[in-house]
């Protein structure tokens, strides 16, 4: 399953998923292949994977764009502490995950 948005000739793919039981058959890549073929036929110019870099995206392209996270935090001590933890540790964990 893929949930996407086509806007001004660019397809945005914020969410794709499949049953992990079929992972060895690369259903995500098959789905992307069919979507890209359909988009090319309809005249779309770009397919944007969105999100941080990940190994599976490099099968399709070596071009990347920077990805940023933005948080809306309540101005309380509790949420400022949460923001401090998020801004300190989350980027480090993401770098490990997507390295």
C-alpha atoms as a PDB file:
ATOM      1  CA  UNK A   1       0.000   0.000   0.000  1.00  0.00           C
ATOM      2  CA  UNK A   2       1.217   3.461  -0.726  1.00  0.00           C
ATOM      3  CA  UNK A   3      -0.436   6.702   0.194  1.00  0.00           C
ATOM      4  CA  UNK A   4       0.771   9.562  -1.974  1.00  0.00           C
ATOM      5  CA  UNK A   5      -0.068  12.980  -3.310  1.00  0.00           C
ATOM      6  CA  UNK A   6       0.352  14.198  -6.888  1.00  0.00           C
ATOM      7  CA  UNK A   7       0.654  17.969  -7.061  1.00  0.00           C
ATOM      8  CA  UNK A   8       1.929  20.101  -9.958  1.00  0.00           C
ATOM      9  CA  UNK A   9       3.649  17.175 -11.662  1.00  0.00           C
ATOM     10  CA  UNK A  10       5.424  15.977  -8.519  1.00  0.00           C
ATOM     11  CA  UNK A  11       4.409  12.850  -6.610  1.00  0.00           C
ATOM     12  CA  UNK A  12       5.017  12.881  -2.861  1.00  0.00           C
ATOM     13  CA  UNK A  13       5.209   9.550  -1.058  1.00  0.00           C
ATOM     14  CA  UNK A  14       4.851  10.091   2.684  1.00  0.00           C
ATOM     15  CA  UNK A  15       3.782   6.529   3.481  1.00  0.00           C
ATOM     16  CA  UNK A  16       4.419   3.143   1.877  1.00  0.00           C
ATOM     17  CA  UNK A  17       4.011  -0.212   3.598  1.00  0.00           C
ATOM     18  CA  UNK A  18       3.727  -3.916   2.900  1.00  0.00           C
ATOM     19  CA  UNK A  19       3.367  -7.223   4.724  1.00  0.00           C
ATOM     20  CA  UNK A  20       6.819  -8.081   6.135  1.00  0.00           C
ATOM     21  CA  UNK A  21       6.128 -11.746   5.376  1.00  0.00           C
ATOM     22  CA  UNK A  22       6.803 -10.937   1.703  1.00  0.00           C
ATOM     23  CA  UNK A  23       9.959  -8.853   2.260  1.00  0.00           C
ATOM     24  CA  UNK A  24      12.195 -11.252   0.311  1.00  0.00           C
ATOM     25  CA  UNK A  25      10.184 -10.433  -2.826  1.00  0.00           C
ATOM     26  CA  UNK A  26      10.819  -6.658  -2.469  1.00  0.00           C
ATOM     27  CA  UNK A  27       7.169  -5.603  -2.679  1.00  0.00           C
ATOM     28  CA  UNK A  28       8.092  -2.007  -1.874  1.00  0.00           C
ATOM     29  CA  UNK A  29      10.352  -1.816  -4.926  1.00  0.00           C
ATOM     30  CA  UNK A  30       7.736  -3.478  -7.127  1.00  0.00           C
ATOM     31  CA  UNK A  31       5.111  -1.018  -5.950  1.00  0.00           C
ATOM     32  CA  UNK A  32       7.454   1.927  -6.570  1.00  0.00           C
ATOM     33  CA  UNK A  33       8.265   0.606 -10.053  1.00  0.00           C
ATOM     34  CA  UNK A  34       4.582   0.447 -11.013  1.00  0.00           C
ATOM     35  CA  UNK A  35       3.823   3.856  -9.534  1.00  0.00           C
ATOM     36  CA  UNK A  36       6.792   5.451 -11.356  1.00  0.00           C
ATOM     37  CA  UNK A  37       5.686   3.844 -14.643  1.00  0.00           C
ATOM     38  CA  UNK A  38       2.145   5.135 -14.139  1.00  0.00           C
ATOM     39  CA  UNK A  39       3.420   8.608 -13.248  1.00  0.00           C
ATOM     40  CA  UNK A  40       5.671   8.708 -16.321  1.00  0.00           C
ATOM     41  CA  UNK A  41       2.727   7.764 -18.509  1.00  0.00           C
ATOM     42  CA  UNK A  42       0.614  10.531 -16.998  1.00  0.00           C
ATOM     43  CA  UNK A  43       3.360  13.137 -17.489  1.00  0.00           C
ATOM     44  CA  UNK A  44       4.494  13.606 -13.886  1.00  0.00           C
ATOM     45  CA  UNK A  45       8.027  14.942 -13.626  1.00  0.00           C
ATOM     46  CA  UNK A  46       9.190  13.783 -10.179  1.00  0.00           C
ATOM     47  CA  UNK A  47       8.742  11.147  -7.514  1.00  0.00           C
ATOM     48  CA  UNK A  48       9.712  12.389  -4.070  1.00  0.00           C
ATOM     49  CA  UNK A  49      10.304   9.704  -1.409  1.00  0.00           C
ATOM     50  CA  UNK A  50      10.229  12.308   1.367  1.00  0.00           C
ATOM     51  CA  UNK A  51      11.796  11.692   4.744  1.00  0.00           C
ATOM     52  CA  UNK A  52      15.390  11.061   5.745  1.00  0.00           C
ATOM     53  CA  UNK A  53      17.812   9.120   3.608  1.00  0.00           C
ATOM     54  CA  UNK A  54      17.475   5.350   3.673  1.00  0.00           C
ATOM     55  CA  UNK A  55      19.193   2.517   1.829  1.00  0.00           C
ATOM     56  CA  UNK A  56      16.112   1.428  -0.108  1.00  0.00           C
ATOM     57  CA  UNK A  57      15.846   4.877  -1.726  1.00  0.00           C
ATOM     58  CA  UNK A  58      19.326   4.653  -3.265  1.00  0.00           C
ATOM     59  CA  UNK A  59      18.113   1.850  -5.531  1.00  0.00           C
ATOM     60  CA  UNK A  60      16.189   4.558  -7.371  1.00  0.00           C
ATOM     61  CA  UNK A  61      18.480   7.586  -7.175  1.00  0.00           C
ATOM     62  CA  UNK A  62      21.663   8.989  -5.707  1.00  0.00           C
ATOM     63  CA  UNK A  63      20.240  12.508  -5.527  1.00  0.00           C
ATOM     64  CA  UNK A  64      19.233  13.603  -2.059  1.00  0.00           C
ATOM     65  CA  UNK A  65      17.847  16.656  -0.364  1.00  0.00           C
ATOM     66  CA  UNK A  66      18.275  17.641   3.254  1.00  0.00           C
ATOM     67  CA  UNK A  67      15.508  16.609   5.595  1.00  0.00           C
ATOM     68  CA  UNK A  68      14.566  18.562   8.690  1.00  0.00           C
ATOM     69  CA  UNK A  69      12.366  17.865  11.698  1.00  0.00           C
ATOM     70  CA  UNK A  70      10.293  20.621  13.265  1.00  0.00           C
ATOM     71  CA  UNK A  71       8.509  20.383  16.575  1.00  0.00           C
ATOM     72  CA  UNK A  72       5.794  22.499  18.113  1.00  0.00           C
ATOM     73  CA  UNK A  73       6.417  22.529  21.845  1.00  0.00           C
ATOM     74  CA  UNK A  74       4.218  23.947  24.596  1.00  0.00           C
ATOM     75  CA  UNK A  75       6.042  26.640  26.576  1.00  0.00           C
ATOM     76  CA  UNK A  76       6.101  24.675  29.834  1.00  0.00           C
ATOM     77  CA  UNK A  77       9.076  23.291  31.722  1.00  0.00           C
ATOM     78  CA  UNK A  78       8.040  19.708  30.995  1.00  0.00           C
ATOM     79  CA  UNK A  79       7.833  20.233  27.240  1.00  0.00           C
ATOM     80  CA  UNK A  80      11.001  22.314  27.097  1.00  0.00           C
ATOM     81  CA  UNK A  81      12.818  19.416  28.762  1.00  0.00           C
ATOM     82  CA  UNK A  82      11.255  17.016  26.259  1.00  0.00           C
ATOM     83  CA  UNK A  83      12.394  19.264  23.415  1.00  0.00           C
ATOM     84  CA  UNK A  84      15.911  19.365  24.823  1.00  0.00           C
ATOM     85  CA  UNK A  85      16.034  15.569  24.920  1.00  0.00           C
ATOM     86  CA  UNK A  86      14.550  15.278  21.422  1.00  0.00           C
ATOM     87  CA  UNK A  87      16.931  17.785  19.911  1.00  0.00           C
ATOM     88  CA  UNK A  88      19.952  16.154  21.565  1.00  0.00           C
ATOM     89  CA  UNK A  89      19.369  12.434  21.182  1.00  0.00           C
ATOM     90  CA  UNK A  90      16.908  11.962  18.323  1.00  0.00           C
ATOM     91  CA  UNK A  91      19.320  13.177  15.590  1.00  0.00           C
ATOM     92  CA  UNK A  92      22.000  10.805  16.842  1.00  0.00           C
ATOM     93  CA  UNK A  93      19.636   7.858  16.824  1.00  0.00           C
ATOM     94  CA  UNK A  94      18.362   8.757  13.319  1.00  0.00           C
ATOM     95  CA  UNK A  95      21.924   8.923  11.995  1.00  0.00           C
ATOM     96  CA  UNK A  96      22.535   5.396  13.239  1.00  0.00           C
ATOM     97  CA  UNK A  97      19.289   4.134  11.788  1.00  0.00           C
ATOM     98  CA  UNK A  98      19.759   5.630   8.316  1.00  0.00           C
ATOM     99  CA  UNK A  99      23.542   5.337   7.994  1.00  0.00           C
END
